[in-house]
Protein backbone atom coordinates (compact mmCIF):
# COMPACT_ATOMS: atom_id res chain seq x y z
CA MET A 1 -6.80 5.23 11.22
CA SER A 2 -4.25 4.24 13.44
CA GLN A 3 -0.76 5.62 13.48
CA ASP A 4 1.09 2.71 11.62
CA CYS A 5 -1.51 4.12 8.55
CA GLN A 6 -0.74 8.16 9.88
CA ASN A 7 3.19 7.44 9.69
CA PHE A 8 2.73 4.97 6.56
CA ILE A 9 1.40 7.83 4.78
CA SER A 10 3.45 10.62 5.66
CA ALA A 11 6.45 8.51 5.46
CA LEU A 12 5.29 8.52 1.51
CA LEU A 13 4.58 11.92 1.05
CA GLU A 14 7.24 13.29 2.69
CA LYS A 15 8.56 16.40 0.74
CA ASP A 16 11.71 16.33 0.71
CA PRO A 17 12.65 12.50 -1.48
CA ALA A 18 15.94 12.22 0.42
CA LYS A 19 13.58 11.39 3.31
CA ARG A 20 10.82 9.68 1.68
CA MET A 21 10.28 5.73 2.26
CA GLY A 22 11.27 3.79 0.13
CA THR A 23 14.09 5.27 -1.83
CA LYS A 24 17.06 3.82 0.66
CA ASP A 25 15.86 0.65 0.39
CA GLY A 26 12.70 0.49 -1.96
CA ILE A 27 10.14 -1.77 -1.42
CA ARG A 28 11.64 -3.42 0.70
CA GLU A 29 11.48 -0.64 2.92
CA ILE A 30 7.42 -0.21 1.93
CA LEU A 31 6.81 -3.69 2.84
CA ASN A 32 8.71 -3.49 6.26
CA HIS A 33 6.34 -0.92 7.85
CA PRO A 34 4.65 -2.35 10.86
CA TRP A 35 1.28 -1.07 8.47
CA LEU A 36 1.90 -3.95 6.27
CA ALA A 37 3.01 -7.00 8.63
CA ASP A 38 0.00 -8.65 8.26
CA ILE A 39 0.87 -8.61 4.77
CA ASP A 40 2.48 -11.41 3.06
CA ALA A 41 4.49 -10.30 0.75
CA ASP A 42 5.41 -13.03 -1.82
CA LYS A 43 2.38 -13.80 -2.83
CA LEU A 44 1.94 -9.80 -2.74
CA LYS A 45 4.38 -10.08 -5.52
CA LYS A 46 2.03 -13.01 -6.93
CA MET A 47 -0.69 -11.50 -6.63
CA LYS A 48 -2.22 -14.01 -4.86
CA ILE A 49 -3.44 -11.85 -2.20
CA GLU A 50 -7.20 -11.95 -2.73
CA ALA A 51 -9.14 -8.30 -2.29
CA PRO A 52 -10.97 -7.32 0.69
CA PHE A 53 -13.78 -5.60 -1.23
CA GLN A 54 -14.53 -6.26 -5.09
CA PRO A 55 -17.23 -3.61 -6.15
CA THR A 56 -20.25 -4.82 -7.90
CA LEU A 57 -20.44 -3.19 -11.26
CA SER A 58 -23.15 -1.87 -13.21
CA SER A 59 -23.70 -2.81 -16.52
CA ASN A 60 -23.86 0.58 -17.82
CA ALA A 61 -20.45 1.87 -18.84
CA LEU A 62 -21.14 5.90 -18.91
CA ASP A 63 -22.09 4.57 -14.52
CA VAL A 64 -18.97 5.94 -13.50
């Protein structure tokens, strides 16, 4: 796991809500994190980004 990814997860899981990422500037603070630098925020908001992986689903409804 990259250092940026570790920092991103740690910032989201910060125990103190006042210090937690997203508390000060909302979604902008999260989307501006270096780990998400390659993601186009406008495309993400419009749901225009194709998923990098799509699992093949079984026809069996109980197969979870």
